[in-house]
Amino acid sequence: MKNMEMRLEGTKLTITVDISREFGMSTSGKSLIIASSEGNISIPGKEEVKIGLNVYKKP
């Protein structure tokens, strides 16, 4: 994971991303990456539930 934190409290999932950070250009070169789960991953404490997250902006 890049620049993201997940927390599960009961049935509520909270995702935190610092939008001031940048990790360079995407592979396609069309977007500037801010945060990524880097594919589909399990939610902490609920292995059967998956998430895929990308946060980006135009360069």
Protein backbone atom coordinates (compact mmCIF):
# COMPACT_ATOMS: atom_id res chain seq x y z
CA MET A 1 0.00 0.00 0.00
CA LYS A 2 1.11 3.51 -0.72
CA ASN A 3 -0.04 6.40 1.47
CA MET A 4 -3.22 4.83 2.81
CA GLU A 5 -4.36 3.50 6.15
CA MET A 6 -7.45 1.40 6.83
CA ARG A 7 -9.26 0.92 10.12
CA LEU A 8 -12.32 -1.26 10.73
CA GLU A 9 -14.50 -0.33 13.70
CA GLY A 10 -17.54 -2.59 13.90
CA THR A 11 -19.04 -2.41 10.43
CA LYS A 12 -17.43 0.93 9.48
CA LEU A 13 -14.27 1.05 7.36
CA THR A 14 -12.25 4.26 7.58
CA ILE A 15 -9.61 4.98 4.93
CA THR A 16 -7.10 7.77 5.48
CA VAL A 17 -5.04 9.29 2.64
CA ASP A 18 -2.67 12.27 2.84
CA ILE A 19 -3.54 14.10 -0.38
CA SER A 20 -0.43 16.32 -0.12
CA ARG A 21 1.85 13.37 -1.02
CA GLU A 22 2.75 12.23 -4.53
CA PHE A 23 4.40 9.04 -5.78
CA GLY A 24 5.19 9.92 -9.37
CA MET A 25 3.46 9.23 -12.63
CA SER A 26 1.29 6.21 -13.35
CA THR A 27 2.56 3.56 -15.77
CA SER A 28 0.48 5.11 -18.55
CA GLY A 29 1.90 8.56 -17.80
CA LYS A 30 -1.58 10.12 -17.68
CA SER A 31 -1.94 10.53 -13.91
CA LEU A 32 0.07 11.52 -10.85
CA ILE A 33 -0.34 8.90 -8.11
CA ILE A 34 -1.33 10.12 -4.64
CA ALA A 35 -2.26 6.78 -3.01
CA SER A 36 -2.84 3.18 -4.04
CA SER A 37 -3.71 -0.16 -2.54
CA GLU A 38 -1.55 -1.58 -5.36
CA GLY A 39 -4.23 -4.07 -6.39
CA ASN A 40 -7.08 -5.68 -4.52
CA ILE A 41 -6.32 -6.38 -0.86
CA SER A 42 -8.22 -7.73 2.14
CA ILE A 43 -9.72 -5.39 4.70
CA PRO A 44 -8.08 -5.78 8.15
CA GLY A 45 -10.09 -8.22 10.23
CA LYS A 46 -12.33 -9.25 7.30
CA GLU A 47 -10.20 -11.32 4.95
CA GLU A 48 -13.23 -12.16 2.77
CA VAL A 49 -13.85 -8.46 1.99
CA LYS A 50 -11.55 -6.88 -0.60
CA ILE A 51 -10.79 -3.32 -1.63
CA GLY A 52 -8.95 -1.75 -4.55
CA LEU A 53 -8.14 1.94 -4.17
CA ASN A 54 -6.42 4.46 -6.44
CA VAL A 55 -6.20 8.17 -5.67
CA TYR A 56 -4.69 10.31 -8.41
CA LYS A 57 -4.76 13.67 -10.15
CA LYS A 58 -3.92 15.06 -13.55
CA PRO A 59 -0.30 16.22 -13.82
